[in-house]
Amino acid sequence: MVAGAKKVGAGRYRESYGRYLEDFQAGDIYEHRPGRTITESDNTWFTLLTMNQHPVHFDAEYAKQSEFARPLVNSCLTLSIVAGMSVSDVSQKAIANLGWTDISMPSPVFIGDTLYAESEVLEKRVSVSRPTQGIVTIYTRAKKQDGIQVMTFKRVILVPKRGHAVDDKINY
């Protein structure tokens, strides 16, 4: 997590998180912490909130009959948590997510699993049409507590240059 403090007045500082375009370097890897343990409540609420009615996520008796023999964590919940874990390092200052590709889920996630994630900077470039901003491509990997990889994805993010983030302009 990248944290800093910006002086906003005499003896007064405001915390600031995230990275500017200049802070990204291809090949750098950011380990996202803390980890996140998935609870039954997380899985049930997310599944029902998003109108996913597949019983393998919230019906234990149904799930017992599946090849997994227990409820699966909703893969969209896994994606949301892993992406969220990366925000303070990768996209806290972002203007927009431009795309998600190559989402892979090689192993299941179950209630009680703890997720850990890391993101590697694949490339960055200054935007041609937005000279105060740039485009960063990252590759994120997530593993469970036992080291088994459960998810990977690429994400493309529009990021401001130093001095051009929204939090650089707010004076409240």
Protein backbone atom coordinates (compact mmCIF):
# COMPACT_ATOMS: atom_id res chain seq x y z
CA MET A 1 0.00 0.00 0.00
CA VAL A 2 1.37 3.38 -0.94
CA ALA A 3 0.59 5.96 1.70
CA GLY A 4 1.75 9.50 1.92
CA ALA A 5 0.89 12.75 3.59
CA LYS A 6 0.37 16.04 1.77
CA LYS A 7 0.79 19.31 3.62
CA VAL A 8 -2.48 21.24 3.35
CA GLY A 9 -1.82 23.99 5.87
CA ALA A 10 0.38 25.07 8.75
CA GLY A 11 0.93 21.95 10.85
CA ARG A 12 -1.85 20.17 8.91
CA TYR A 13 -1.48 17.08 6.68
CA ARG A 14 -3.88 14.95 4.65
CA GLU A 15 -3.27 11.26 4.00
CA SER A 16 -3.06 10.16 0.40
CA TYR A 17 -3.01 6.65 -1.07
CA GLY A 18 -2.26 5.15 -4.43
CA ARG A 19 0.20 5.74 -7.23
CA TYR A 20 0.63 8.31 -9.94
CA LEU A 21 1.65 7.29 -13.44
CA GLU A 22 5.28 8.15 -12.65
CA ASP A 23 5.30 5.66 -9.77
CA PHE A 24 4.64 2.60 -11.95
CA GLN A 25 7.56 0.67 -13.45
CA ALA A 26 7.20 -2.37 -15.70
CA GLY A 27 8.28 -5.48 -13.83
CA ASP A 28 7.44 -4.16 -10.34
CA ILE A 29 5.30 -6.47 -8.22
CA TYR A 30 3.03 -5.17 -5.46
CA GLU A 31 2.03 -7.67 -2.76
CA HIS A 32 -1.45 -6.72 -1.54
CA ARG A 33 -2.04 -7.11 2.17
CA PRO A 34 -3.85 -7.85 4.38
CA GLY A 35 -5.31 -11.11 3.15
CA ARG A 36 -9.06 -11.69 3.23
CA THR A 37 -10.85 -14.73 4.67
CA ILE A 38 -14.16 -15.46 2.94
CA THR A 39 -17.11 -16.07 5.26
CA GLU A 40 -20.40 -17.82 4.61
CA SER A 41 -22.17 -14.48 5.03
CA ASP A 42 -19.94 -12.86 2.40
CA ASN A 43 -20.75 -15.59 -0.08
CA THR A 44 -24.48 -15.82 0.58
CA TRP A 45 -25.12 -12.07 0.59
CA PHE A 46 -23.03 -11.40 -2.52
CA THR A 47 -24.61 -14.29 -4.41
CA LEU A 48 -28.17 -13.27 -3.59
CA LEU A 49 -27.51 -9.53 -3.95
CA THR A 50 -26.25 -10.10 -7.50
CA MET A 51 -29.26 -12.32 -8.28
CA ASN A 52 -27.11 -15.39 -8.90
CA GLN A 53 -29.52 -18.18 -8.07
CA HIS A 54 -27.20 -21.15 -8.54
CA PRO A 55 -27.69 -23.25 -5.40
CA VAL A 56 -24.07 -24.46 -5.31
CA HIS A 57 -23.25 -21.10 -3.68
CA PHE A 58 -25.83 -21.07 -0.88
CA ASP A 59 -27.57 -24.46 -0.54
CA ALA A 60 -25.32 -26.78 1.48
CA GLU A 61 -27.43 -29.86 0.74
CA TYR A 62 -27.32 -29.19 -3.00
CA ALA A 63 -23.57 -28.51 -2.83
CA LYS A 64 -23.00 -31.84 -1.02
CA GLN A 65 -24.17 -33.59 -4.18
CA SER A 66 -21.78 -31.61 -6.43
CA GLU A 67 -18.24 -32.70 -7.27
CA PHE A 68 -17.00 -30.21 -4.65
CA ALA A 69 -19.17 -31.64 -1.81
CA ARG A 70 -19.54 -28.19 -0.22
CA PRO A 71 -20.64 -24.68 -1.25
CA LEU A 72 -18.42 -22.82 -3.70
CA VAL A 73 -17.58 -19.18 -3.24
CA ASN A 74 -19.15 -17.17 -6.04
CA SER A 75 -16.37 -16.47 -8.57
CA CYS A 76 -17.56 -12.88 -9.03
CA LEU A 77 -17.10 -12.37 -5.27
CA THR A 78 -13.57 -13.72 -5.57
CA LEU A 79 -12.89 -11.31 -8.44
CA SER A 80 -14.35 -8.39 -6.50
CA ILE A 81 -12.32 -9.11 -3.37
CA VAL A 82 -9.07 -9.64 -5.26
CA ALA A 83 -9.58 -6.46 -7.28
CA GLY A 84 -10.44 -4.61 -4.08
CA MET A 85 -7.27 -5.85 -2.40
CA SER A 86 -5.26 -4.20 -5.19
CA VAL A 87 -6.88 -0.76 -5.03
CA SER A 88 -4.59 0.95 -2.53
CA ASP A 89 -1.49 -0.08 -4.51
CA VAL A 90 -2.74 0.04 -8.07
CA SER A 91 -5.86 2.13 -8.62
CA GLN A 92 -6.57 4.37 -5.62
CA LYS A 93 -5.87 7.42 -7.81
CA ALA A 94 -7.27 5.90 -11.03
CA ILE A 95 -9.60 7.84 -13.26
CA ALA A 96 -11.16 4.70 -14.75
CA ASN A 97 -10.79 1.01 -15.34
CA LEU A 98 -10.44 0.66 -19.12
CA GLY A 99 -10.71 -3.10 -19.35
CA TRP A 100 -10.41 -6.52 -17.78
CA THR A 101 -9.15 -9.47 -19.80
CA ASP A 102 -7.84 -12.98 -19.42
CA ILE A 103 -9.74 -13.71 -16.20
CA SER A 104 -8.85 -17.25 -15.16
CA MET A 105 -10.06 -19.31 -12.18
CA PRO A 106 -7.93 -22.47 -12.11
CA SER A 107 -9.03 -23.66 -8.65
CA PRO A 108 -12.17 -23.28 -6.53
CA VAL A 109 -12.52 -21.07 -3.48
CA PHE A 110 -14.46 -22.30 -0.45
CA ILE A 111 -15.88 -20.65 2.64
CA GLY A 112 -13.05 -20.23 5.15
CA ASP A 113 -10.33 -19.80 2.52
CA THR A 114 -8.05 -16.79 2.90
CA LEU A 115 -7.02 -14.98 -0.27
CA TYR A 116 -3.73 -13.19 -0.90
CA ALA A 117 -2.93 -11.26 -4.06
CA GLU A 118 -0.17 -9.52 -5.94
CA SER A 119 -0.06 -7.40 -9.08
CA GLU A 120 2.74 -7.06 -11.60
CA VAL A 121 3.08 -3.97 -13.76
CA LEU A 122 3.24 -5.16 -17.38
CA GLU A 123 3.46 -1.78 -19.07
CA LYS A 124 2.69 1.91 -18.80
CA ARG A 125 2.46 4.71 -21.31
CA VAL A 126 1.35 8.30 -21.51
CA SER A 127 -2.08 8.71 -23.07
CA VAL A 128 -1.98 10.23 -26.56
CA SER A 129 -5.33 11.99 -26.14
CA ARG A 130 -4.95 12.89 -22.44
CA PRO A 131 -1.43 14.23 -21.80
CA THR A 132 -1.94 14.56 -18.02
CA GLN A 133 -2.83 10.87 -17.77
CA GLY A 134 -1.45 7.49 -18.69
CA ILE A 135 -2.43 3.89 -19.21
CA VAL A 136 -1.12 1.15 -16.93
CA THR A 137 -1.57 -2.58 -17.55
CA ILE A 138 -1.28 -4.93 -14.60
CA TYR A 139 -1.46 -8.70 -14.15
CA THR A 140 -2.95 -9.81 -10.85
CA ARG A 141 -2.57 -13.25 -9.26
CA ALA A 142 -4.50 -14.55 -6.24
CA LYS A 143 -3.66 -17.54 -4.09
CA LYS A 144 -5.29 -19.26 -1.14
CA GLN A 145 -3.61 -19.76 2.22
CA ASP A 146 -2.12 -23.04 1.00
CA GLY A 147 -0.43 -21.38 -1.99
CA ILE A 148 -2.85 -22.73 -4.60
CA GLN A 149 -3.51 -20.16 -7.31
CA VAL A 150 -7.23 -19.40 -7.62
CA MET A 151 -7.41 -16.44 -9.99
CA THR A 152 -5.47 -14.34 -12.48
CA PHE A 153 -6.49 -11.40 -14.64
CA LYS A 154 -5.17 -8.45 -16.60
CA ARG A 155 -6.51 -4.98 -15.92
CA VAL A 156 -5.93 -1.76 -17.85
CA ILE A 157 -6.25 1.45 -15.84
CA LEU A 158 -6.26 5.16 -16.69
CA VAL A 159 -4.03 6.85 -14.11
CA PRO A 160 -3.20 10.55 -13.60
CA LYS A 161 0.27 12.04 -13.66
CA ARG A 162 1.53 13.63 -10.46
CA GLY A 163 -0.40 16.79 -9.65
CA HIS A 164 -3.41 15.82 -11.77
CA ALA A 165 -5.35 13.44 -9.48
CA VAL A 166 -8.71 14.43 -8.07
CA ASP A 167 -7.31 14.38 -4.53
CA ASP A 168 -4.61 16.85 -5.64
CA LYS A 169 -7.35 19.36 -6.45
CA ILE A 170 -9.77 19.00 -3.53
CA ASN A 171 -9.44 21.64 -0.84
CA TYR A 172 -12.17 20.79 1.66
